Protein backbone atom coordinates (compact mmCIF):
# COMPACT_ATOMS: atom_id res chain seq x y z
CA UNK A 1 -64.80 10.20 3.82
CA UNK A 2 -68.00 8.21 4.33
CA UNK A 3 -66.44 5.15 5.96
CA UNK A 4 -67.75 4.48 9.46
CA UNK A 5 -65.45 3.21 12.20
CA UNK A 6 -65.71 1.03 15.28
CA UNK A 7 -63.47 1.02 18.35
CA UNK A 8 -63.38 -2.22 20.35
CA UNK A 9 -63.27 -1.17 23.99
CA UNK A 10 -65.15 -3.85 25.91
CA UNK A 11 -62.34 -6.09 27.18
CA UNK A 12 -60.89 -6.28 30.69
CA UNK A 13 -57.16 -6.42 29.95
CA UNK A 14 -56.50 -9.03 32.64
CA UNK A 15 -52.82 -9.40 31.67
CA UNK A 16 -52.21 -5.86 32.94
CA UNK A 17 -53.26 -6.98 36.43
CA UNK A 18 -53.42 -4.05 38.89
CA UNK A 19 -53.62 -1.46 36.12
CA UNK A 20 -57.11 -2.64 35.14
CA UNK A 21 -58.62 -3.41 38.56
CA UNK A 22 -60.97 -0.43 38.27
CA UNK A 23 -60.12 0.91 34.79
CA UNK A 24 -60.89 -0.44 31.31
CA UNK A 25 -57.71 -1.21 29.39
CA UNK A 26 -58.37 1.47 26.72
CA UNK A 27 -58.31 4.08 29.50
CA UNK A 28 -55.06 3.00 31.18
CA UNK A 29 -52.73 5.98 30.58
CA UNK A 30 -49.76 5.55 28.26
CA UNK A 31 -47.23 8.39 28.57
CA UNK A 32 -50.02 10.34 30.25
CA UNK A 33 -52.49 9.72 27.40
CA UNK A 34 -55.53 7.44 27.48
CA UNK A 35 -55.46 5.33 24.27
CA UNK A 36 -59.21 5.56 23.64
CA UNK A 37 -59.13 9.36 23.74
CA UNK A 38 -56.15 9.40 21.39
CA UNK A 39 -57.80 6.99 18.95
CA UNK A 40 -60.99 9.06 18.86
CA UNK A 41 -58.95 12.15 18.06
CA UNK A 42 -56.95 10.33 15.38
CA UNK A 43 -60.17 9.12 13.74
CA UNK A 44 -61.51 12.66 13.89
CA UNK A 45 -58.31 13.98 12.29
CA UNK A 46 -58.56 11.34 9.55
CA UNK A 47 -62.05 12.48 8.58
CA UNK A 48 -64.30 9.94 10.26
CA UNK A 49 -67.57 11.44 11.46
CA UNK A 50 -69.42 8.33 12.69
CA UNK A 51 -67.78 6.07 15.29
CA UNK A 52 -69.29 3.16 17.22
CA UNK A 53 -67.63 2.05 20.47
CA UNK A 54 -68.54 -1.10 22.37
CA UNK A 55 -68.19 -1.23 26.15
CA UNK A 56 -68.67 -3.75 28.93
CA UNK A 57 -66.03 -3.58 31.67
CA UNK A 58 -66.61 -0.33 33.62
CA UNK A 59 -68.71 0.72 30.65
CA UNK A 60 -69.70 4.01 32.26
CA UNK A 61 -66.08 5.19 32.02
CA UNK A 62 -66.07 4.50 28.28
CA UNK A 63 -69.35 6.40 27.93
CA UNK A 64 -67.92 9.41 29.79
CA UNK A 65 -64.91 9.59 27.45
CA UNK A 66 -67.13 9.32 24.38
CA UNK A 67 -69.42 12.06 25.68
CA UNK A 68 -66.42 14.35 26.16
CA UNK A 69 -65.52 14.10 22.47
CA UNK A 70 -68.06 16.41 20.83
CA UNK A 71 -66.65 16.67 17.32
CA UNK A 72 -67.97 13.35 16.02
CA UNK A 73 -71.18 11.33 16.07
CA UNK A 74 -70.23 8.63 18.61
CA UNK A 75 -72.50 5.76 19.57
CA UNK A 76 -71.52 3.65 22.60
CA UNK A 77 -73.02 0.17 22.76
CA UNK A 78 -72.95 -1.15 26.32
CA UNK A 79 -72.98 -4.94 26.14
CA UNK A 80 -75.04 -6.86 28.70
CA UNK A 81 -72.49 -9.66 28.49
CA UNK A 82 -68.98 -9.68 27.07
CA UNK A 83 -69.50 -10.66 23.43
CA UNK A 84 -65.81 -11.16 22.54
CA UNK A 85 -64.29 -9.44 19.53
CA UNK A 86 -66.37 -11.07 16.81
CA UNK A 87 -69.64 -11.01 18.71
CA UNK A 88 -69.07 -7.39 19.69
CA UNK A 89 -68.59 -6.29 16.09
CA UNK A 90 -71.56 -8.30 14.81
CA UNK A 91 -73.74 -6.79 17.54
CA UNK A 92 -72.72 -3.32 16.33
CA UNK A 93 -73.47 -3.89 12.63
CA UNK A 94 -76.88 -2.14 12.71
CA UNK A 95 -75.06 1.04 13.75
CA UNK A 96 -72.28 0.66 11.17
CA UNK A 97 -74.35 0.35 8.01
CA UNK A 98 -74.06 -1.92 5.00
CA UNK A 99 -70.74 -0.68 3.60
CA UNK A 100 -67.18 -1.71 4.59
CA UNK A 101 -66.04 -0.10 7.83
CA UNK A 102 -62.84 0.39 9.80
CA UNK A 103 -62.37 -1.37 13.16
CA UNK A 104 -59.63 -0.47 15.65
CA UNK A 105 -58.81 -1.96 19.02
CA UNK A 106 -59.23 0.63 21.74
CA UNK A 107 -56.02 -0.34 23.56
CA UNK A 108 -53.62 0.45 20.76
CA UNK A 109 -50.58 2.68 20.27
CA UNK A 110 -49.16 3.18 16.77
CA UNK A 111 -47.39 6.03 14.97
CA UNK A 112 -50.42 7.43 13.13
CA UNK A 113 -49.20 11.02 13.45
CA UNK A 114 -45.99 10.15 11.60
CA UNK A 115 -47.20 7.24 9.43
CA UNK A 116 -50.93 7.77 8.79
CA UNK A 117 -52.97 4.70 7.87
CA UNK A 118 -56.54 5.33 9.10
CA UNK A 119 -57.55 7.23 5.97
CA UNK A 120 -55.51 5.05 3.59
CA UNK A 121 -56.57 1.55 4.63
CA UNK A 122 -60.20 1.82 3.44
CA UNK A 123 -58.95 2.98 0.02
CA UNK A 124 -56.94 -0.25 -0.29
CA UNK A 125 -59.95 -2.40 0.54
CA UNK A 126 -61.28 -4.07 -2.63
CA UNK A 127 -64.73 -5.43 -1.85
CA UNK A 128 -64.78 -7.44 -5.08
CA UNK A 129 -62.20 -9.81 -3.60
CA UNK A 130 -61.94 -8.97 0.11
CA UNK A 131 -64.14 -9.52 3.14
CA UNK A 132 -61.40 -8.53 5.60
CA UNK A 133 -58.24 -6.44 5.19
CA UNK A 134 -55.94 -6.61 8.22
CA UNK A 135 -53.13 -4.19 8.97
CA UNK A 136 -49.89 -6.06 9.64
CA UNK A 137 -46.62 -5.23 11.37
CA UNK A 138 -43.42 -7.26 10.76
CA UNK A 139 -43.02 -9.61 13.72
CA UNK A 140 -39.46 -8.48 14.39
CA UNK A 141 -40.58 -4.83 14.54
CA UNK A 142 -43.60 -5.30 16.84
CA UNK A 143 -42.57 -3.45 20.00
CA UNK A 144 -43.28 -5.29 23.24
CA UNK A 145 -44.44 -8.38 21.35
CA UNK A 146 -42.97 -11.75 22.28
CA UNK A 147 -45.06 -14.12 20.17
CA UNK A 148 -44.23 -16.07 17.02
CA UNK A 149 -46.26 -14.01 14.55
CA UNK A 150 -49.64 -14.65 12.95
CA UNK A 151 -49.50 -14.65 9.16
CA UNK A 152 -47.64 -15.20 5.93
CA UNK A 153 -48.45 -12.84 3.07
CA UNK A 154 -48.70 -14.10 -0.51
CA UNK A 155 -47.82 -12.13 -3.65
CA UNK A 156 -51.39 -10.86 -4.05
CA UNK A 157 -51.69 -9.75 -0.43
CA UNK A 158 -53.65 -12.80 0.68
CA UNK A 159 -53.07 -14.03 4.22
CA UNK A 160 -52.08 -17.52 5.32
CA UNK A 161 -52.14 -18.48 9.00
CA UNK A 162 -48.90 -19.53 10.70
CA UNK A 163 -50.54 -22.77 11.85
CA UNK A 164 -47.81 -25.38 12.37
CA UNK A 165 -44.91 -23.17 11.33
CA UNK A 166 -42.43 -22.23 14.04
CA UNK A 167 -42.90 -18.53 13.28
CA UNK A 168 -44.50 -16.15 10.81
CA UNK A 169 -43.20 -12.82 9.48
CA UNK A 170 -46.25 -10.70 10.30
CA UNK A 171 -48.40 -9.87 13.33
CA UNK A 172 -51.95 -8.56 13.10
CA UNK A 173 -51.80 -4.92 14.22
CA UNK A 174 -55.44 -4.68 15.43
CA UNK A 175 -56.61 -2.25 12.74
CA UNK A 176 -58.77 -3.64 9.95
CA UNK A 177 -61.40 -2.96 7.30
CA UNK A 178 -64.33 -5.37 7.27
CA UNK A 179 -67.34 -5.93 5.03
CA UNK A 180 -70.56 -6.64 6.96
CA UNK A 181 -71.22 -9.74 4.84
CA UNK A 182 -68.28 -11.38 6.62
CA UNK A 183 -70.60 -11.91 9.60
CA UNK A 184 -73.37 -13.63 7.63
CA UNK A 185 -74.02 -17.03 9.19
CA UNK A 186 -71.93 -16.32 12.30
CA UNK A 187 -73.74 -16.60 15.65
CA UNK A 188 -75.45 -13.89 17.66
CA UNK A 189 -73.65 -15.21 20.74
CA UNK A 190 -70.07 -14.38 21.88
CA UNK A 191 -67.31 -15.48 19.47
CA UNK A 192 -63.74 -14.35 18.65
CA UNK A 193 -62.81 -12.63 15.39
CA UNK A 194 -60.59 -15.56 14.52
CA UNK A 195 -63.78 -17.41 13.55
CA UNK A 196 -64.57 -14.67 11.04
CA UNK A 197 -60.99 -14.62 9.75
CA UNK A 198 -61.08 -18.38 9.24
CA UNK A 199 -64.29 -17.99 7.26
CA UNK A 200 -62.72 -15.31 5.07
CA UNK A 201 -59.49 -17.32 4.63
CA UNK A 202 -61.41 -20.41 3.57
CA UNK A 203 -63.13 -18.34 0.88
CA UNK A 204 -59.84 -16.73 -0.19
CA UNK A 205 -61.08 -13.33 0.96
CA UNK A 206 -58.70 -12.58 3.86
CA UNK A 207 -56.06 -10.00 2.92
CA UNK A 208 -53.34 -7.98 4.62
CA UNK A 209 -51.45 -4.71 4.26
CA UNK A 210 -48.08 -4.07 5.88
CA UNK A 211 -47.80 -0.95 8.04
CA UNK A 212 -44.69 1.14 7.50
CA UNK A 213 -44.79 2.86 10.89
CA UNK A 214 -44.22 1.75 14.48
CA UNK A 215 -46.63 -0.24 16.63
CA UNK A 216 -46.55 -1.45 20.22
CA UNK A 217 -48.33 -4.37 21.89
CA UNK A 218 -49.56 -2.90 25.20
CA UNK A 219 -51.08 -6.17 26.39
CA UNK A 220 -48.48 -6.85 29.10
CA UNK A 221 -46.51 -4.70 31.57
CA UNK A 222 -43.45 -4.96 29.29
CA UNK A 223 -45.59 -4.01 26.34
CA UNK A 224 -46.96 -1.04 28.26
CA UNK A 225 -43.43 0.25 28.69
CA UNK A 226 -42.78 -0.18 24.97
CA UNK A 227 -46.00 1.68 24.19
CA UNK A 228 -45.05 4.46 26.61
CA UNK A 229 -41.63 4.84 24.98
CA UNK A 230 -43.20 4.88 21.50
CA UNK A 231 -45.72 7.57 22.40
CA UNK A 232 -42.96 9.73 23.89
CA UNK A 233 -40.94 9.39 20.66
CA UNK A 234 -43.99 10.29 18.58
CA UNK A 235 -44.59 13.37 20.71
CA UNK A 236 -40.99 14.51 20.32
CA UNK A 237 -41.07 14.01 16.55
CA UNK A 238 -44.35 15.89 16.16
CA UNK A 239 -43.03 18.75 18.30
CA UNK A 240 -39.71 18.98 16.46
């Protein structure tokens, strides 16, 4: 596999309150496991050899974890200011190359060991018609999630925002494949990925793929408990 990967690990995780006072959210333990370490290992297992990680909040802790993982070529980009999700990825493009790449949020728990997707998702990406391919989870199956959903999915896999609808059937699961051209014309200052998604949607180049495994939103204390329970179940299944 030649696809490069990026892990987004710069955010503060303010909704977790005391848990992130002196710890970046990707390093807050879930069932005794730090999500960033797990994600690095999962990427390694899936065949990725080049991984870029961005860091800002307690960046030195992110650097230490990356340095401990010797099996892959890992580049940590320490941001001088928080660039937000879109700005952070655009800032990392020189390290990611000119081909489509995988991007994963660093504070994420999903059932990769039982329902692998990291190797599969880039094979689904069709650069002739896609600039962004987002992994989706059905809204009613998103553990710890209390929102109204993000997207509708058309017959061809194209994504339509919920916008004024009361709810939508799918939530973005924070794993995606992106083409670098998506960021052409977007600013070199902080901006959220929603700006890039809107650009892709307007051009008809925003697509989705539904994940068949389990996924937990660890953005709140309730979500953390759901993520903890999920990781325990994964561990039991793998050990069985």
